[in-house]
């Protein structure tokens, strides 16, 4: 008889955190819903979006376009961009529910419009995808740092906790295994291996430190730095591609209208699987809807949050699409059908080695911020659930004041320190066990694209607008959703096939 009330308490706690209750003591400076006053603007929201969108996905776009060719490659990129922007606009209108109350998470928005059962499926999909993204970013950072060496840095005027992180990251970059320098010293034909496990552990150390920042509101500066880094390495890759085309000639690389050639570059079955996988890579490159509501929840209430978020989404998606199109198309022009999976570390470029080092260092610095953008919603959910489940628990509520230099004090929660450290360690162990770049990105993109980017936003919009069944609008929006489902399934099949190939002969936790 006691099991039923206990189960109901767990369910109530789960619902309470998604409804915005987190058990924290009231802050003197509160917003209209009793939470800490929101200070986000169009600039910070755009930075969060660019940080979330322009990530490791851009590095594989030249390879993805090579699988699809001159015709399908740019068309698929454009199609994913339009679909992502359109569905993001629909999702932005769902930040406030039918009763105009705020939805603090993607899951709560789904619950407000689509009900409990759909909400449970959405929450499981969203949070598992966020975990997968953190694993993917850990892999990408290790690969990039395995090839990078940084000699100089530009002084940054940031908060003290930001500078501490920058100094730790700078230390890691200086200690990174310098594969591109090996090629520079010993020639392009040299055998230059780059271990990644040590770098993943160092990256985990940075993330453990940053994870002690309590919420999205406290990492605005990190997103600004990360967005700047994303522009930097994308521009470097773009510039190197242009230089290679100018130096070698337009027709030096072997390209075609349909991409890689069956019988020359690969077999017929490989062409099919890699085409599917390329769809997943492109989908991953545009994924950010799973953190959109959380980003929108950082905005000031005036102007209206949905208006600002739509503008931020347009800025973020249009900016990243321009970079993606240029990097994907010019990367394919530079390398042709032999485009590497990661065009900064494939090794697509060898010289100038210092510029490649800089580009890979910028990738790592950007992904330091991107990891936080994707893990903060998980942190907020778990901590809110725990406080709602065990209200008044001394361990969960404890905040210790830790003095810093210059009479500064930072509040450290023992619970936050323990659980967030465990989360970072877990994602790092998974990344160390399965460090497969392209296939892992493709699988994450395939899993996230249809349900989180398309299906739920479309269904919520139709529920909000009370769209009649079988009306023209209902019909074409469901056709769009079905077409995206087919694409996601094909991409997932391609990624799983690629992962199955990768693990053959692979020894756990050993990668070079």
Protein backbone atom coordinates (compact mmCIF):
# COMPACT_ATOMS: atom_id res chain seq x y z
CA UNK A 1 0.00 0.00 0.00
CA UNK A 2 2.98 2.32 0.61
CA UNK A 3 4.39 1.85 -2.88
CA UNK A 4 1.62 3.82 -4.60
CA UNK A 5 2.12 7.09 -2.63
CA UNK A 6 5.88 6.72 -3.14
CA UNK A 7 5.39 6.34 -6.90
CA UNK A 8 3.04 9.32 -6.94
CA UNK A 9 5.65 11.40 -5.11
CA UNK A 10 8.26 10.54 -7.75
CA UNK A 11 5.88 11.48 -10.56
CA UNK A 12 4.95 14.72 -8.77
CA UNK A 13 8.64 15.58 -8.42
CA UNK A 14 9.28 14.89 -12.10
CA UNK A 15 6.34 17.11 -13.06
CA UNK A 16 7.32 19.85 -10.61
CA UNK A 17 10.78 20.38 -12.06
CA UNK A 18 9.43 20.61 -15.60
CA UNK A 19 6.81 23.07 -14.33
CA UNK A 20 9.55 25.31 -13.01
CA UNK A 21 9.69 24.46 -9.30
CA UNK A 22 13.26 23.90 -8.20
CA UNK A 23 13.08 24.22 -4.44
CA UNK A 24 15.51 27.16 -4.30
CA UNK A 25 15.02 29.98 -1.82
CA UNK A 26 13.51 33.16 -3.34
CA UNK A 27 15.96 35.71 -4.72
CA UNK A 28 15.48 39.38 -3.84
CA UNK A 29 15.55 40.36 -7.51
CA UNK A 30 12.81 38.27 -9.11
CA UNK A 31 11.05 38.15 -12.44
CA UNK A 32 7.27 38.11 -12.85
CA UNK A 33 7.12 34.35 -12.26
CA UNK A 34 9.13 34.42 -9.04
CA UNK A 35 12.38 33.34 -10.70
CA UNK A 36 15.68 35.20 -10.98
CA UNK A 37 15.32 38.22 -13.22
CA UNK A 38 16.06 37.38 -16.84
CA UNK A 39 18.54 39.65 -18.63
CA UNK A 40 18.95 37.93 -22.00
CA UNK A 41 18.83 39.94 -25.22
CA UNK A 42 18.79 39.36 -28.96
CA UNK A 43 22.60 39.36 -28.92
CA UNK A 44 22.97 36.77 -26.15
CA UNK A 45 20.24 34.53 -27.61
CA UNK A 46 21.87 34.70 -31.06
CA UNK A 47 25.23 33.86 -29.47
CA UNK A 48 23.74 30.85 -27.66
CA UNK A 49 22.18 29.63 -30.93
CA UNK A 50 25.36 30.09 -32.96
CA UNK A 51 27.31 28.33 -30.22
CA UNK A 52 24.84 25.43 -30.27
CA UNK A 53 24.55 25.21 -34.07
CA UNK A 54 28.02 25.92 -35.45
CA UNK A 55 29.93 23.10 -33.90
CA UNK A 56 31.67 19.93 -34.90
CA UNK A 57 29.07 19.43 -37.63
CA UNK A 58 30.71 22.02 -39.89
CA UNK A 59 33.91 19.96 -39.99
CA UNK A 60 32.20 17.06 -41.77
CA UNK A 61 30.21 19.08 -44.33
CA UNK A 62 32.82 18.83 -47.10
CA UNK A 63 32.68 15.04 -46.71
CA UNK A 64 28.86 15.10 -46.69
CA UNK A 65 28.69 17.19 -49.87
CA UNK A 66 31.22 14.82 -51.47
CA UNK A 67 28.80 11.91 -50.91
CA UNK A 68 25.89 13.85 -52.46
CA UNK A 69 27.58 15.83 -55.25
CA UNK A 70 27.17 19.33 -56.69
CA UNK A 71 23.41 19.05 -57.17
CA UNK A 72 22.06 17.27 -54.10
CA UNK A 73 24.68 18.57 -51.65
CA UNK A 74 23.78 22.29 -51.67
CA UNK A 75 20.07 21.49 -52.08
CA UNK A 76 20.07 19.24 -48.98
CA UNK A 77 21.95 21.89 -46.98
CA UNK A 78 19.43 24.55 -48.00
CA UNK A 79 16.48 22.26 -47.27
CA UNK A 80 17.68 21.42 -43.76
CA UNK A 81 18.29 25.13 -43.09
CA UNK A 82 14.78 26.16 -44.17
CA UNK A 83 13.12 23.34 -42.23
CA UNK A 84 15.16 24.12 -39.10
CA UNK A 85 14.33 27.84 -39.24
CA UNK A 86 10.62 27.22 -39.95
CA UNK A 87 10.17 24.71 -37.14
CA UNK A 88 12.19 26.87 -34.74
CA UNK A 89 9.78 29.72 -35.39
CA UNK A 90 6.88 27.41 -34.55
CA UNK A 91 8.62 26.29 -31.37
CA UNK A 92 9.35 29.88 -30.26
CA UNK A 93 5.59 30.53 -30.14
CA UNK A 94 5.20 27.64 -27.68
CA UNK A 95 7.37 29.18 -24.94
CA UNK A 96 4.16 30.34 -23.27
CA UNK A 97 1.39 27.79 -22.89
CA UNK A 98 -2.32 28.14 -23.65
CA UNK A 99 -2.76 29.91 -20.29
CA UNK A 100 0.20 32.26 -21.12
CA UNK A 101 2.33 30.74 -18.39
CA UNK A 102 6.00 30.19 -19.18
CA UNK A 103 7.29 26.79 -20.25
CA UNK A 104 10.77 26.45 -18.76
CA UNK A 105 11.85 23.49 -20.87
CA UNK A 106 11.15 21.81 -24.18
CA UNK A 107 9.43 18.97 -22.34
CA UNK A 108 7.09 21.26 -20.43
CA UNK A 109 6.07 22.99 -23.68
CA UNK A 110 5.18 19.60 -25.16
CA UNK A 111 3.23 18.71 -22.02
CA UNK A 112 1.27 21.98 -22.10
CA UNK A 113 0.11 21.45 -25.69
CA UNK A 114 0.22 17.68 -26.31
CA UNK A 115 -0.38 16.04 -22.93
CA UNK A 116 1.43 13.78 -20.47
CA UNK A 117 2.11 10.69 -22.58
CA UNK A 118 3.70 12.63 -25.44
CA UNK A 119 5.65 14.68 -22.92
CA UNK A 120 7.27 11.57 -21.40
CA UNK A 121 8.46 10.42 -24.83
CA UNK A 122 9.75 13.91 -25.62
CA UNK A 123 11.65 14.25 -22.34
CA UNK A 124 13.39 10.89 -22.84
CA UNK A 125 14.31 11.81 -26.43
CA UNK A 126 15.51 15.30 -25.59
CA UNK A 127 17.71 14.45 -22.62
CA UNK A 128 19.23 11.36 -24.23
CA UNK A 129 20.06 13.48 -27.26
CA UNK A 130 21.68 16.14 -25.09
CA UNK A 131 23.84 13.45 -23.48
CA UNK A 132 24.79 12.18 -26.95
CA UNK A 133 25.75 15.70 -28.04
CA UNK A 134 28.04 16.04 -25.01
CA UNK A 135 29.73 12.76 -25.92
CA UNK A 136 30.11 13.92 -29.53
CA UNK A 137 31.66 17.21 -28.48
CA UNK A 138 34.14 15.41 -26.24
CA UNK A 139 35.22 13.23 -29.17
CA UNK A 140 35.55 16.20 -31.51
CA UNK A 141 37.57 18.24 -29.04
CA UNK A 142 40.01 15.39 -28.50
CA UNK A 143 40.44 14.87 -32.24
CA UNK A 144 41.05 18.59 -32.84
CA UNK A 145 43.48 18.96 -29.95
CA UNK A 146 45.27 15.82 -31.10
CA UNK A 147 46.38 17.87 -34.08
CA UNK A 148 46.74 21.30 -32.53
CA UNK A 149 49.53 23.34 -31.00
CA UNK A 150 49.01 26.86 -29.78
CA UNK A 151 51.92 29.20 -29.24
CA UNK A 152 50.33 32.57 -28.56
CA UNK A 153 47.09 33.77 -27.08
CA UNK A 154 45.31 37.09 -27.11
CA UNK A 155 44.55 38.61 -23.68
CA UNK A 156 40.84 38.57 -22.88
CA UNK A 157 39.11 40.85 -20.43
CA UNK A 158 36.57 38.51 -18.86
CA UNK A 159 35.23 37.73 -15.38
CA UNK A 160 37.70 36.07 -13.02
CA UNK A 161 36.00 32.67 -13.21
CA UNK A 162 36.14 32.97 -17.00
CA UNK A 163 39.86 33.76 -16.94
CA UNK A 164 40.53 30.76 -14.68
CA UNK A 165 38.89 28.52 -17.27
CA UNK A 166 40.79 30.19 -20.13
CA UNK A 167 44.10 29.64 -18.33
CA UNK A 168 43.29 25.96 -17.73
CA UNK A 169 42.25 25.56 -21.38
CA UNK A 170 45.43 27.33 -22.50
CA UNK A 171 47.46 24.82 -20.44
CA UNK A 172 45.67 21.92 -22.10
CA UNK A 173 46.23 23.38 -25.57
CA UNK A 174 49.97 23.75 -24.91
CA UNK A 175 50.11 20.14 -23.75
CA UNK A 176 48.09 18.81 -26.69
CA UNK A 177 49.68 16.22 -28.98
CA UNK A 178 50.95 18.12 -32.00
CA UNK A 179 50.20 15.95 -35.03
CA UNK A 180 50.18 18.77 -37.56
CA UNK A 181 53.65 19.80 -36.31
CA UNK A 182 54.81 16.21 -36.82
CA UNK A 183 53.79 16.44 -40.47
CA UNK A 184 55.55 19.79 -40.72
CA UNK A 185 58.80 18.41 -39.29
CA UNK A 186 58.88 14.95 -40.88
CA UNK A 187 56.93 15.40 -44.11
CA UNK A 188 53.39 14.69 -45.23
CA UNK A 189 54.07 10.98 -45.64
CA UNK A 190 55.19 10.49 -42.05
CA UNK A 191 53.30 8.25 -39.65
CA UNK A 192 52.02 10.71 -37.09
CA UNK A 193 49.67 9.26 -34.51
CA UNK A 194 47.66 11.26 -32.04
CA UNK A 195 46.33 9.75 -28.84
CA UNK A 196 43.07 11.18 -27.56
CA UNK A 197 42.30 9.66 -24.17
CA UNK A 198 44.56 12.04 -22.22
CA UNK A 199 43.04 15.02 -24.02
CA UNK A 200 39.51 13.82 -23.28
CA UNK A 201 40.38 13.63 -19.59
CA UNK A 202 41.84 17.14 -19.67
CA UNK A 203 38.70 18.40 -21.46
CA UNK A 204 36.62 16.74 -18.73
CA UNK A 205 38.60 18.70 -16.14
CA UNK A 206 37.65 21.98 -17.84
CA UNK A 207 34.00 20.93 -18.02
CA UNK A 208 33.91 19.95 -14.34
CA UNK A 209 35.13 23.44 -13.48
CA UNK A 210 32.65 25.21 -15.78
CA UNK A 211 29.80 22.96 -14.65
CA UNK A 212 29.88 24.60 -11.23
CA UNK A 213 28.33 27.71 -12.78
CA UNK A 214 24.72 27.34 -11.65
CA UNK A 215 22.68 28.01 -14.82
CA UNK A 216 22.36 29.25 -18.41
CA UNK A 217 22.14 32.82 -17.11
CA UNK A 218 25.70 32.59 -15.79
CA UNK A 219 27.40 31.39 -18.99
CA UNK A 220 26.55 34.26 -21.36
CA UNK A 221 30.23 35.22 -21.57
CA UNK A 222 31.17 31.64 -22.49
CA UNK A 223 28.70 31.63 -25.40
CA UNK A 224 30.10 34.94 -26.68
CA UNK A 225 33.65 33.53 -26.66
CA UNK A 226 32.49 30.23 -28.18
CA UNK A 227 30.56 31.99 -30.97
CA UNK A 228 33.67 34.04 -31.81
CA UNK A 229 35.73 30.83 -31.93
CA UNK A 230 33.21 29.18 -34.27
CA UNK A 231 33.46 32.07 -36.71
CA UNK A 232 37.25 31.92 -36.49
CA UNK A 233 37.74 28.25 -37.30
CA UNK A 234 34.99 28.26 -39.94
CA UNK A 235 36.71 31.22 -41.61
CA UNK A 236 40.08 29.46 -41.41
CA UNK A 237 38.67 26.33 -43.04
CA UNK A 238 36.95 28.45 -45.67
CA UNK A 239 40.12 30.42 -46.39
CA UNK A 240 42.24 27.28 -46.67
CA UNK A 241 39.74 25.77 -49.09
CA UNK A 242 39.80 28.89 -51.28
CA UNK A 243 43.62 28.93 -51.19
CA UNK A 244 43.80 25.26 -52.19
CA UNK A 245 41.41 25.78 -55.12
CA UNK A 246 43.34 28.89 -56.23
CA UNK A 247 46.70 27.12 -55.96
CA UNK A 248 45.75 23.75 -57.49
CA UNK A 249 43.15 24.95 -59.98
CA UNK A 250 39.40 24.47 -60.15
CA UNK A 251 39.65 21.08 -61.89
CA UNK A 252 42.48 19.63 -59.77
CA UNK A 253 40.12 17.82 -57.40
CA UNK A 254 37.89 15.13 -58.88
CA UNK A 255 34.23 16.14 -58.40
CA UNK A 256 30.92 15.22 -60.02
CA UNK A 257 27.25 16.16 -60.07
CA UNK A 258 26.38 13.04 -58.04
CA UNK A 259 29.37 12.94 -55.69
CA UNK A 260 31.56 9.93 -55.04
CA UNK A 261 31.69 7.53 -57.97
CA UNK A 262 30.61 3.90 -57.67
CA UNK A 263 33.38 1.57 -58.85
CA UNK A 264 36.06 4.24 -58.45
CA UNK A 265 35.75 5.67 -54.95
CA UNK A 266 33.56 3.03 -53.34
CA UNK A 267 31.18 0.13 -53.99
CA UNK A 268 27.47 0.50 -54.75
CA UNK A 269 26.42 -0.53 -51.22
CA UNK A 270 28.95 1.83 -49.64
CA UNK A 271 27.58 4.66 -51.76
CA UNK A 272 24.08 4.03 -50.38
CA UNK A 273 25.20 3.78 -46.75
CA UNK A 274 27.44 6.86 -46.92
CA UNK A 275 24.73 8.88 -48.64
CA UNK A 276 22.39 8.04 -45.76
CA UNK A 277 25.12 8.86 -43.25
CA UNK A 278 25.77 12.24 -44.89
CA UNK A 279 22.12 13.16 -44.29
CA UNK A 280 22.63 12.50 -40.58
CA UNK A 281 25.80 14.60 -40.52
CA UNK A 282 23.98 17.54 -42.12
CA UNK A 283 21.02 17.11 -39.74
CA UNK A 284 23.42 17.17 -36.78
CA UNK A 285 25.00 20.36 -38.12
CA UNK A 286 21.65 22.18 -37.81
CA UNK A 287 20.42 20.68 -34.52
CA UNK A 288 19.63 23.10 -31.71
CA UNK A 289 15.87 22.89 -31.16
CA UNK A 290 16.41 20.67 -28.11
CA UNK A 291 17.82 23.69 -26.24
CA UNK A 292 15.70 26.42 -27.89
CA UNK A 293 13.12 26.78 -25.10
CA UNK A 294 15.87 26.84 -22.48
CA UNK A 295 17.65 29.60 -24.43
CA UNK A 296 14.38 31.51 -24.81
CA UNK A 297 13.86 31.30 -21.05
CA UNK A 298 16.92 33.55 -20.59
CA UNK A 299 15.26 36.48 -22.44
CA UNK A 300 13.78 39.57 -20.87
CA UNK A 301 9.95 39.63 -20.95
CA UNK A 302 9.94 42.83 -23.02
CA UNK A 303 9.96 42.82 -26.02
CA UNK A 304 7.92 39.56 -26.14
CA UNK A 305 10.17 36.52 -25.88
CA UNK A 306 8.80 34.81 -29.00
CA UNK A 307 9.43 37.90 -31.14
CA UNK A 308 13.05 38.17 -30.00
CA UNK A 309 13.59 34.42 -30.29
CA UNK A 310 12.33 34.33 -33.88
CA UNK A 311 14.78 37.10 -34.78
CA UNK A 312 17.58 35.29 -32.96
CA UNK A 313 16.70 32.03 -34.76
CA UNK A 314 16.74 33.78 -38.14
CA UNK A 315 20.12 35.39 -37.36
CA UNK A 316 21.57 32.14 -36.04
CA UNK A 317 20.30 29.85 -38.80
CA UNK A 318 21.02 32.25 -41.69
CA UNK A 319 24.53 32.98 -40.39
CA UNK A 320 25.38 29.33 -39.91
CA UNK A 321 23.85 28.34 -43.25
CA UNK A 322 26.06 30.84 -45.06
CA UNK A 323 29.13 29.38 -43.36
CA UNK A 324 27.94 25.82 -43.92
CA UNK A 325 27.28 26.38 -47.59
CA UNK A 326 30.66 27.99 -48.13
CA UNK A 327 32.57 25.42 -46.07
CA UNK A 328 30.74 22.44 -47.57
CA UNK A 329 30.83 23.57 -51.20
CA UNK A 330 34.33 25.07 -51.19
CA UNK A 331 35.62 22.13 -49.13
CA UNK A 332 34.29 19.78 -51.80
CA UNK A 333 35.83 21.95 -54.52
CA UNK A 334 39.18 21.76 -52.72
CA UNK A 335 39.25 18.02 -51.98
CA UNK A 336 36.72 16.55 -54.38
CA UNK A 337 35.51 13.01 -53.82
CA UNK A 338 38.46 12.42 -51.46
CA UNK A 339 37.20 14.97 -48.92
CA UNK A 340 38.13 13.84 -45.37
CA UNK A 341 35.55 13.30 -42.64
CA UNK A 342 37.01 16.21 -40.66
CA UNK A 343 38.61 18.66 -43.05
CA UNK A 344 40.85 20.28 -40.44
CA UNK A 345 42.22 16.98 -39.11
CA UNK A 346 41.58 14.45 -41.92
CA UNK A 347 44.38 15.36 -42.93
CA UNK A 348 42.94 17.60 -45.60
CA UNK A 349 45.35 20.46 -44.95
CA UNK A 350 49.03 20.30 -43.95
CA UNK A 351 50.24 23.87 -44.39
CA UNK A 352 50.44 26.51 -43.11
CA UNK A 353 50.68 24.27 -40.05
CA UNK A 354 50.41 27.16 -37.56
CA UNK A 355 47.08 28.25 -39.07
CA UNK A 356 45.73 24.69 -38.88
CA UNK A 357 46.87 24.57 -35.25
CA UNK A 358 44.99 27.80 -34.59
CA UNK A 359 41.85 26.51 -36.31
CA UNK A 360 41.82 23.30 -34.28
CA UNK A 361 42.45 25.22 -31.07
CA UNK A 362 39.44 27.42 -31.89
CA UNK A 363 37.35 24.27 -32.45
CA UNK A 364 38.30 23.07 -28.97
CA UNK A 365 37.57 26.43 -27.33
CA UNK A 366 34.20 26.62 -29.09
CA UNK A 367 33.24 23.13 -27.98
CA UNK A 368 34.11 23.98 -24.39
CA UNK A 369 31.19 26.43 -24.56
CA UNK A 370 28.96 24.22 -26.71
CA UNK A 371 29.24 21.38 -24.18
CA UNK A 372 27.90 23.71 -21.49
CA UNK A 373 25.00 24.88 -23.67
CA UNK A 374 23.93 21.26 -24.10
CA UNK A 375 24.53 20.02 -20.56
CA UNK A 376 22.94 22.90 -18.61
CA UNK A 377 19.34 21.74 -19.37
CA UNK A 378 20.25 18.30 -18.02
CA UNK A 379 21.76 19.82 -14.89
CA UNK A 380 18.72 22.00 -14.28
CA UNK A 381 16.32 19.09 -14.75
CA UNK A 382 18.08 16.62 -12.46
CA UNK A 383 18.74 19.16 -9.71
CA UNK A 384 15.21 20.52 -9.86
CA UNK A 385 13.79 16.99 -9.78
CA UNK A 386 15.92 16.09 -6.74
CA UNK A 387 14.91 19.20 -4.79
CA UNK A 388 11.24 18.67 -5.62
CA UNK A 389 11.48 14.99 -4.72
CA UNK A 390 13.23 15.61 -1.36
CA UNK A 391 12.28 19.14 -0.25
CA UNK A 392 14.20 20.43 2.74
CA UNK A 393 17.09 17.97 2.32
CA UNK A 394 20.17 19.62 3.86
CA UNK A 395 22.65 18.15 1.36
CA UNK A 396 20.64 19.33 -1.65
CA UNK A 397 20.13 22.84 -0.25
CA UNK A 398 23.68 23.38 1.05
CA UNK A 399 25.71 26.22 -0.47
CA UNK A 400 29.31 26.72 0.68
CA UNK A 401 31.01 30.10 0.26
CA UNK A 402 34.47 29.59 -1.22
CA UNK A 403 36.74 32.69 -1.10
CA UNK A 404 38.66 33.65 -4.24
CA UNK A 405 41.46 36.12 -4.88
CA UNK A 406 40.54 39.79 -4.71
CA UNK A 407 37.87 39.44 -2.01
CA UNK A 408 35.61 37.51 -4.39
CA UNK A 409 33.41 34.68 -3.15
CA UNK A 410 31.81 31.87 -5.17
CA UNK A 411 28.94 29.69 -3.92
CA UNK A 412 29.63 25.96 -4.33
CA UNK A 413 26.91 23.35 -3.86
CA UNK A 414 28.20 19.93 -2.68
CA UNK A 415 25.32 18.23 -4.51
CA UNK A 416 26.02 20.15 -7.71
CA UNK A 417 29.73 19.39 -7.43
CA UNK A 418 29.17 15.65 -6.91
CA UNK A 419 26.47 15.00 -9.51
CA UNK A 420 27.79 17.28 -12.26
CA UNK A 421 31.27 15.83 -11.87
CA UNK A 422 29.79 12.33 -12.19
CA UNK A 423 27.93 13.36 -15.35
CA UNK A 424 31.06 14.77 -17.01
CA UNK A 425 33.05 11.67 -16.07
CA UNK A 426 30.34 9.39 -17.53
CA UNK A 427 30.16 11.21 -20.89
CA UNK A 428 33.95 11.23 -21.06
CA UNK A 429 34.15 7.47 -20.47
CA UNK A 430 31.61 6.85 -23.25
CA UNK A 431 33.59 9.11 -25.60
CA UNK A 432 36.83 7.31 -24.75
CA UNK A 433 35.18 3.94 -25.36
CA UNK A 434 33.67 4.83 -28.77
CA UNK A 435 35.67 7.68 -30.38
CA UNK A 436 34.14 7.49 -33.88
CA UNK A 437 33.60 10.99 -35.26
CA UNK A 438 31.47 10.92 -38.43
CA UNK A 439 29.23 7.99 -37.59
CA UNK A 440 28.56 9.23 -34.06
CA UNK A 441 27.59 12.69 -35.33
CA UNK A 442 25.35 11.10 -37.95
CA UNK A 443 23.55 8.98 -35.39
CA UNK A 444 22.95 11.93 -33.03
CA UNK A 445 21.64 14.03 -35.91
CA UNK A 446 19.34 11.27 -37.13
CA UNK A 447 17.88 10.62 -33.68
CA UNK A 448 17.27 14.30 -32.91
CA UNK A 449 16.19 15.76 -36.23
CA UNK A 450 12.70 14.38 -36.79
CA UNK A 451 11.20 14.24 -33.28
CA UNK A 452 12.78 17.34 -31.74
CA UNK A 453 13.26 19.63 -34.73
CA UNK A 454 10.13 18.76 -36.75
CA UNK A 455 7.48 16.51 -35.18
CA UNK A 456 6.90 18.10 -31.79
CA UNK A 457 7.05 21.75 -32.99
CA UNK A 458 4.61 20.96 -35.84
CA UNK A 459 2.19 19.13 -33.54
CA UNK A 460 2.34 21.88 -30.91
CA UNK A 461 1.71 24.55 -33.52
CA UNK A 462 -1.33 22.72 -34.87
CA UNK A 463 -2.66 22.22 -31.33
CA UNK A 464 -2.10 25.90 -30.57
CA UNK A 465 -3.74 27.07 -33.81
CA UNK A 466 -6.52 24.45 -33.48
CA UNK A 467 -5.84 23.29 -37.04
CA UNK A 468 -8.66 21.18 -38.46
CA UNK A 469 -7.82 17.59 -39.43
CA UNK A 470 -7.40 17.06 -43.19
CA UNK A 471 -7.44 20.80 -43.89
CA UNK A 472 -4.81 21.97 -46.43
CA UNK A 473 -2.52 23.27 -43.64
CA UNK A 474 -2.89 20.06 -41.62
CA UNK A 475 -2.14 17.96 -44.70
CA UNK A 476 1.02 19.71 -45.88
CA UNK A 477 2.49 20.03 -42.38
CA UNK A 478 2.00 16.32 -41.76
CA UNK A 479 3.51 15.53 -45.16
CA UNK A 480 6.53 17.63 -44.16
CA UNK A 481 6.78 15.72 -40.89
CA UNK A 482 6.52 12.34 -42.63
CA UNK A 483 9.18 13.26 -45.20
CA UNK A 484 11.55 14.28 -42.40
CA UNK A 485 10.81 11.02 -40.58
CA UNK A 486 11.90 9.05 -43.65
CA UNK A 487 15.11 11.10 -43.90
CA UNK A 488 15.86 10.54 -40.19
CA UNK A 489 15.33 6.78 -40.49
CA UNK A 490 17.61 6.54 -43.52
CA UNK A 491 20.27 8.63 -41.77
CA UNK A 492 20.05 6.46 -38.64
CA UNK A 493 20.47 3.28 -40.69
CA UNK A 494 23.54 4.74 -42.42
CA UNK A 495 25.10 5.84 -39.12
CA UNK A 496 24.48 2.48 -37.43
CA UNK A 497 26.03 0.68 -40.40
CA UNK A 498 29.05 2.99 -40.16
CA UNK A 499 29.42 2.39 -36.43
CA UNK A 500 29.16 -1.38 -36.98
CA UNK A 501 32.04 -1.11 -39.45
CA UNK A 502 34.08 1.07 -37.06
CA UNK A 503 33.91 -1.31 -34.10
CA UNK A 504 35.27 -4.27 -36.09
CA UNK A 505 38.73 -4.94 -34.72
CA UNK A 506 38.51 -1.96 -32.36
CA UNK A 507 39.86 -2.36 -28.83
CA UNK A 508 37.90 -0.60 -26.10
CA UNK A 509 39.49 2.61 -24.78
CA UNK A 510 42.35 2.45 -27.27
CA UNK A 511 42.34 4.96 -30.11
CA UNK A 512 45.09 6.64 -32.10
